Amino acid sequence: MDCIFCKIIEGKIPAKKIAESDHAIAFADINPVAPVHALVIPKKHIATLNDVDDWSVMGPVFELAARIAREQGLDKSGWRAVINTGRDANQLVFHIHLHVIGGRQLEWPPG
């Protein structure tokens, strides 16, 4: 498998790690769109939300995202959790990843 996020999990590719749990890891997005922009991924490789067969894998992803938001003070002002699914949604890496975005006023609609 040639998944860049799996290689980050394995420590084969460096990333600015923000937080980690037993089942998920978070690191800084290399192209941030806000002062806080983290990617939270499950340690188990799953390409997209369409491929999830055991939804318990997503709980730790959301839990870690909420922890990052609290630690960064975003829980006071607001933050966005985004999961792009598929090419038309601009999913560039096919390993589920949740974007934690905040630290500034976010616009709506996003796309």
N, C-alpha and C. Protein backbone atom coordinates (compact mmCIF):
# COMPACT_ATOMS: atom_id res chain seq x y z
N MET A 1 0.85 -1.17 0.00
CA MET A 1 0.00 0.00 0.00
C MET A 1 0.90 1.24 0.00
N ASP A 2 0.54 2.21 -0.77
CA ASP A 2 1.34 3.42 -0.89
C ASP A 2 0.54 4.61 -0.37
N CYS A 3 0.19 4.58 0.91
CA CYS A 3 -0.63 5.62 1.53
C CYS A 3 0.26 6.53 2.36
N ILE A 4 0.29 7.81 2.02
CA ILE A 4 1.13 8.76 2.74
C ILE A 4 0.75 8.85 4.22
N PHE A 5 -0.55 8.76 4.53
CA PHE A 5 -0.96 8.86 5.93
C PHE A 5 -0.56 7.61 6.71
N CYS A 6 -0.61 6.45 6.08
CA CYS A 6 -0.12 5.24 6.75
C CYS A 6 1.37 5.36 7.04
N LYS A 7 2.10 5.98 6.13
CA LYS A 7 3.53 6.17 6.34
C LYS A 7 3.80 7.15 7.48
N ILE A 8 2.94 8.15 7.64
CA ILE A 8 3.06 9.06 8.78
C ILE A 8 2.80 8.30 10.07
N ILE A 9 1.77 7.47 10.10
CA ILE A 9 1.46 6.67 11.28
C ILE A 9 2.65 5.78 11.65
N GLU A 10 3.28 5.18 10.65
CA GLU A 10 4.42 4.28 10.86
C GLU A 10 5.71 5.02 11.18
N GLY A 11 5.71 6.35 11.07
CA GLY A 11 6.92 7.13 11.34
C GLY A 11 7.89 7.17 10.19
N LYS A 12 7.46 6.72 9.01
CA LYS A 12 8.34 6.70 7.84
C LYS A 12 8.40 8.06 7.15
N ILE A 13 7.39 8.88 7.37
CA ILE A 13 7.34 10.24 6.83
C ILE A 13 7.11 11.17 8.01
N PRO A 14 7.91 12.24 8.13
CA PRO A 14 7.72 13.15 9.27
C PRO A 14 6.45 13.99 9.11
N ALA A 15 5.88 14.32 10.24
CA ALA A 15 4.72 15.21 10.28
C ALA A 15 4.77 15.93 11.62
N LYS A 16 4.19 17.11 11.67
CA LYS A 16 4.13 17.87 12.92
C LYS A 16 2.95 17.33 13.74
N LYS A 17 3.26 16.33 14.58
CA LYS A 17 2.20 15.67 15.36
C LYS A 17 1.66 16.63 16.41
N ILE A 18 0.34 16.67 16.51
CA ILE A 18 -0.33 17.53 17.47
C ILE A 18 -0.85 16.72 18.65
N ALA A 19 -1.39 15.55 18.38
CA ALA A 19 -1.96 14.71 19.43
C ALA A 19 -2.07 13.28 18.91
N GLU A 20 -2.22 12.35 19.87
CA GLU A 20 -2.34 10.95 19.49
C GLU A 20 -3.10 10.21 20.58
N SER A 21 -3.84 9.21 20.15
CA SER A 21 -4.51 8.29 21.08
C SER A 21 -4.17 6.87 20.61
N ASP A 22 -4.75 5.88 21.25
CA ASP A 22 -4.49 4.50 20.85
C ASP A 22 -4.95 4.21 19.42
N HIS A 23 -6.00 4.92 18.96
CA HIS A 23 -6.62 4.57 17.68
C HIS A 23 -6.62 5.68 16.63
N ALA A 24 -6.08 6.86 16.99
CA ALA A 24 -6.08 7.98 16.05
C ALA A 24 -4.84 8.84 16.28
N ILE A 25 -4.51 9.60 15.26
CA ILE A 25 -3.37 10.52 15.35
C ILE A 25 -3.76 11.82 14.66
N ALA A 26 -3.22 12.93 15.16
CA ALA A 26 -3.50 14.24 14.57
C ALA A 26 -2.19 14.94 14.28
N PHE A 27 -2.15 15.62 13.14
CA PHE A 27 -0.96 16.37 12.76
C PHE A 27 -1.39 17.60 11.98
N ALA A 28 -0.48 18.57 11.89
CA ALA A 28 -0.77 19.82 11.21
C ALA A 28 -0.92 19.60 9.70
N ASP A 29 -1.90 20.27 9.12
CA ASP A 29 -2.08 20.24 7.67
C ASP A 29 -0.94 21.02 7.03
N ILE A 30 -0.39 20.51 5.94
CA ILE A 30 0.74 21.19 5.30
C ILE A 30 0.29 22.41 4.49
N ASN A 31 -1.01 22.54 4.23
CA ASN A 31 -1.56 23.71 3.54
C ASN A 31 -2.71 24.29 4.38
N PRO A 32 -2.39 24.89 5.53
CA PRO A 32 -3.46 25.35 6.42
C PRO A 32 -4.30 26.47 5.82
N VAL A 33 -5.60 26.41 6.13
CA VAL A 33 -6.52 27.45 5.68
C VAL A 33 -6.98 28.34 6.83
N ALA A 34 -6.44 28.08 8.03
CA ALA A 34 -6.79 28.85 9.22
C ALA A 34 -5.64 28.72 10.21
N PRO A 35 -5.61 29.56 11.23
CA PRO A 35 -4.54 29.45 12.23
C PRO A 35 -4.42 28.06 12.86
N VAL A 36 -5.54 27.40 13.06
CA VAL A 36 -5.52 26.00 13.50
C VAL A 36 -6.10 25.17 12.36
N HIS A 37 -5.29 24.26 11.85
CA HIS A 37 -5.76 23.34 10.80
C HIS A 37 -5.02 22.02 10.99
N ALA A 38 -5.71 21.10 11.64
CA ALA A 38 -5.14 19.79 11.92
C ALA A 38 -5.89 18.73 11.12
N LEU A 39 -5.20 17.64 10.84
CA LEU A 39 -5.83 16.47 10.25
C LEU A 39 -5.84 15.39 11.31
N VAL A 40 -6.98 14.77 11.50
CA VAL A 40 -7.12 13.67 12.45
C VAL A 40 -7.49 12.43 11.65
N ILE A 41 -6.70 11.36 11.83
CA ILE A 41 -6.92 10.15 11.04
C ILE A 41 -6.98 8.93 11.95
N PRO A 42 -7.77 7.94 11.55
CA PRO A 42 -7.70 6.67 12.29
C PRO A 42 -6.40 5.97 11.95
N LYS A 43 -5.87 5.21 12.90
CA LYS A 43 -4.64 4.46 12.64
C LYS A 43 -4.89 3.28 11.71
N LYS A 44 -6.14 2.87 11.62
CA LYS A 44 -6.53 1.81 10.68
C LYS A 44 -6.78 2.46 9.32
N HIS A 45 -6.20 1.90 8.27
CA HIS A 45 -6.41 2.46 6.93
C HIS A 45 -7.83 2.15 6.44
N ILE A 46 -8.55 3.20 6.15
CA ILE A 46 -9.86 3.13 5.50
C ILE A 46 -9.86 4.27 4.49
N ALA A 47 -10.14 3.98 3.25
CA ALA A 47 -10.00 4.97 2.19
C ALA A 47 -10.96 6.15 2.32
N THR A 48 -12.24 5.89 2.47
CA THR A 48 -13.25 6.96 2.53
C THR A 48 -14.35 6.58 3.51
N LEU A 49 -15.21 7.53 3.81
CA LEU A 49 -16.37 7.22 4.65
C LEU A 49 -17.24 6.15 4.01
N ASN A 50 -17.24 6.08 2.70
CA ASN A 50 -18.02 5.05 2.00
C ASN A 50 -17.52 3.64 2.28
N ASP A 51 -16.29 3.53 2.77
CA ASP A 51 -15.68 2.23 3.00
C ASP A 51 -15.70 1.77 4.45
N VAL A 52 -16.27 2.58 5.33
CA VAL A 52 -16.32 2.20 6.75
C VAL A 52 -17.28 1.04 6.93
N ASP A 53 -16.81 -0.03 7.54
CA ASP A 53 -17.71 -1.15 7.86
C ASP A 53 -17.83 -1.34 9.37
N ASP A 54 -16.96 -0.72 10.14
CA ASP A 54 -17.02 -0.76 11.59
C ASP A 54 -16.95 0.68 12.08
N TRP A 55 -18.11 1.25 12.41
CA TRP A 55 -18.19 2.66 12.74
C TRP A 55 -17.52 3.01 14.06
N SER A 56 -17.16 2.01 14.86
CA SER A 56 -16.47 2.31 16.11
C SER A 56 -15.09 2.92 15.85
N VAL A 57 -14.56 2.75 14.65
CA VAL A 57 -13.26 3.33 14.32
C VAL A 57 -13.33 4.86 14.24
N MET A 58 -14.51 5.41 14.00
CA MET A 58 -14.63 6.86 13.85
C MET A 58 -14.77 7.60 15.18
N GLY A 59 -15.23 6.91 16.21
CA GLY A 59 -15.36 7.56 17.52
C GLY A 59 -14.06 8.18 18.01
N PRO A 60 -12.95 7.43 17.99
CA PRO A 60 -11.68 8.01 18.43
C PRO A 60 -11.22 9.19 17.57
N VAL A 61 -11.60 9.22 16.30
CA VAL A 61 -11.24 10.33 15.43
C VAL A 61 -11.94 11.60 15.92
N PHE A 62 -13.25 11.51 16.15
CA PHE A 62 -14.00 12.67 16.63
C PHE A 62 -13.58 13.06 18.05
N GLU A 63 -13.29 12.08 18.88
CA GLU A 63 -12.84 12.37 20.24
C GLU A 63 -11.52 13.15 20.23
N LEU A 64 -10.58 12.73 19.40
CA LEU A 64 -9.30 13.43 19.31
C LEU A 64 -9.49 14.83 18.71
N ALA A 65 -10.37 14.96 17.75
CA ALA A 65 -10.66 16.27 17.15
C ALA A 65 -11.19 17.23 18.21
N ALA A 66 -12.12 16.76 19.04
CA ALA A 66 -12.68 17.61 20.09
C ALA A 66 -11.61 17.97 21.12
N ARG A 67 -10.72 17.06 21.42
CA ARG A 67 -9.63 17.33 22.36
C ARG A 67 -8.71 18.43 21.82
N ILE A 68 -8.38 18.34 20.54
CA ILE A 68 -7.54 19.37 19.92
C ILE A 68 -8.24 20.72 19.98
N ALA A 69 -9.53 20.74 19.65
CA ALA A 69 -10.28 22.00 19.69
C ALA A 69 -10.25 22.61 21.09
N ARG A 70 -10.44 21.80 22.11
CA ARG A 70 -10.38 22.31 23.49
C ARG A 70 -8.97 22.82 23.81
N GLU A 71 -7.95 22.04 23.48
CA GLU A 71 -6.57 22.43 23.80
C GLU A 71 -6.15 23.70 23.07
N GLN A 72 -6.71 23.96 21.91
CA GLN A 72 -6.39 25.15 21.14
C GLN A 72 -7.31 26.33 21.46
N GLY A 73 -8.28 26.11 22.37
CA GLY A 73 -9.21 27.17 22.75
C GLY A 73 -10.32 27.40 21.76
N LEU A 74 -10.47 26.52 20.78
CA LEU A 74 -11.50 26.68 19.76
C LEU A 74 -12.90 26.39 20.28
N ASP A 75 -12.99 25.63 21.38
CA ASP A 75 -14.31 25.30 21.93
C ASP A 75 -15.02 26.56 22.41
N LYS A 76 -14.29 27.63 22.65
CA LYS A 76 -14.90 28.89 23.11
C LYS A 76 -15.43 29.73 21.94
N SER A 77 -14.73 29.67 20.81
CA SER A 77 -15.08 30.54 19.69
C SER A 77 -15.77 29.81 18.54
N GLY A 78 -15.49 28.53 18.40
CA GLY A 78 -16.08 27.74 17.31
C GLY A 78 -15.02 27.16 16.40
N TRP A 79 -15.36 26.03 15.82
CA TRP A 79 -14.44 25.35 14.92
C TRP A 79 -15.24 24.49 13.98
N ARG A 80 -14.59 24.05 12.94
CA ARG A 80 -15.26 23.23 11.93
C ARG A 80 -14.58 21.88 11.83
N ALA A 81 -15.39 20.83 11.68
CA ALA A 81 -14.91 19.47 11.42
C ALA A 81 -15.38 19.11 10.02
N VAL A 82 -14.43 18.79 9.14
CA VAL A 82 -14.75 18.53 7.73
C VAL A 82 -14.13 17.20 7.32
N ILE A 83 -14.94 16.36 6.68
CA ILE A 83 -14.43 15.14 6.07
C ILE A 83 -14.84 15.16 4.60
N ASN A 84 -13.86 15.27 3.72
CA ASN A 84 -14.13 15.20 2.29
C ASN A 84 -14.17 13.73 1.89
N THR A 85 -15.18 13.37 1.12
CA THR A 85 -15.34 11.97 0.71
C THR A 85 -15.43 11.88 -0.80
N GLY A 86 -14.37 11.38 -1.42
CA GLY A 86 -14.36 11.18 -2.86
C GLY A 86 -13.75 12.35 -3.62
N ARG A 87 -13.46 12.09 -4.87
CA ARG A 87 -12.77 13.06 -5.71
C ARG A 87 -13.54 14.36 -5.90
N ASP A 88 -14.85 14.28 -6.11
CA ASP A 88 -15.63 15.50 -6.32
C ASP A 88 -15.70 16.36 -5.06
N ALA A 89 -15.43 15.79 -3.90
CA ALA A 89 -15.39 16.54 -2.65
C ALA A 89 -13.98 17.04 -2.34
N ASN A 90 -13.05 16.82 -3.27
CA ASN A 90 -11.66 17.24 -3.15
C ASN A 90 -10.88 16.42 -2.12
N GLN A 91 -11.23 15.14 -1.97
CA GLN A 91 -10.42 14.26 -1.15
C GLN A 91 -9.16 13.94 -1.95
N LEU A 92 -8.02 14.35 -1.42
CA LEU A 92 -6.76 14.17 -2.14
C LEU A 92 -5.98 12.94 -1.68
N VAL A 93 -6.11 12.60 -0.40
CA VAL A 93 -5.46 11.41 0.15
C VAL A 93 -6.57 10.44 0.53
N PHE A 94 -6.50 9.24 0.00
CA PHE A 94 -7.56 8.27 0.23
C PHE A 94 -7.27 7.41 1.46
N HIS A 95 -7.30 8.10 2.59
CA HIS A 95 -7.27 7.56 3.95
C HIS A 95 -8.13 8.56 4.71
N ILE A 96 -9.23 8.11 5.29
CA ILE A 96 -10.15 9.04 5.96
C ILE A 96 -9.36 10.01 6.81
N HIS A 97 -9.71 11.28 6.68
CA HIS A 97 -9.11 12.31 7.53
C HIS A 97 -10.13 13.40 7.80
N LEU A 98 -10.15 13.80 9.05
CA LEU A 98 -11.05 14.86 9.50
C LEU A 98 -10.22 16.12 9.69
N HIS A 99 -10.64 17.19 9.05
CA HIS A 99 -9.97 18.48 9.20
C HIS A 99 -10.56 19.19 10.41
N VAL A 100 -9.72 19.63 11.33
CA VAL A 100 -10.11 20.51 12.43
C VAL A 100 -9.64 21.90 12.03
N ILE A 101 -10.61 22.80 11.81
CA ILE A 101 -10.29 24.13 11.29
C ILE A 101 -10.87 25.18 12.21
N GLY A 102 -10.05 26.15 12.62
CA GLY A 102 -10.54 27.22 13.47
C GLY A 102 -9.47 28.26 13.74
N GLY A 103 -9.81 29.18 14.63
CA GLY A 103 -8.89 30.25 15.00
C GLY A 103 -9.14 31.53 14.24
N ARG A 104 -10.17 31.55 13.44
CA ARG A 104 -10.60 32.76 12.72
C ARG A 104 -12.06 32.58 12.36
N GLN A 105 -12.71 33.67 11.94
CA GLN A 105 -14.09 33.61 11.47
C GLN A 105 -14.13 32.80 10.19
N LEU A 106 -14.93 31.74 10.15
CA LEU A 106 -15.05 30.90 8.96
C LEU A 106 -16.27 31.30 8.16
N GLU A 107 -16.14 31.23 6.86
CA GLU A 107 -17.22 31.64 5.95
C GLU A 107 -18.17 30.47 5.70
N TRP A 108 -19.39 30.81 5.25
CA TRP A 108 -20.37 29.80 4.86
C TRP A 108 -21.10 30.32 3.64
N PRO A 109 -21.33 29.54 2.63
CA PRO A 109 -21.00 28.13 2.51
C PRO A 109 -19.51 27.95 2.25
N PRO A 110 -18.98 26.77 2.66
CA PRO A 110 -17.56 26.54 2.56
C PRO A 110 -17.07 26.24 1.15
N GLY A 111 -17.90 25.66 0.29
CA GLY A 111 -17.40 25.20 -1.01
C GLY A 111 -17.84 26.05 -2.13
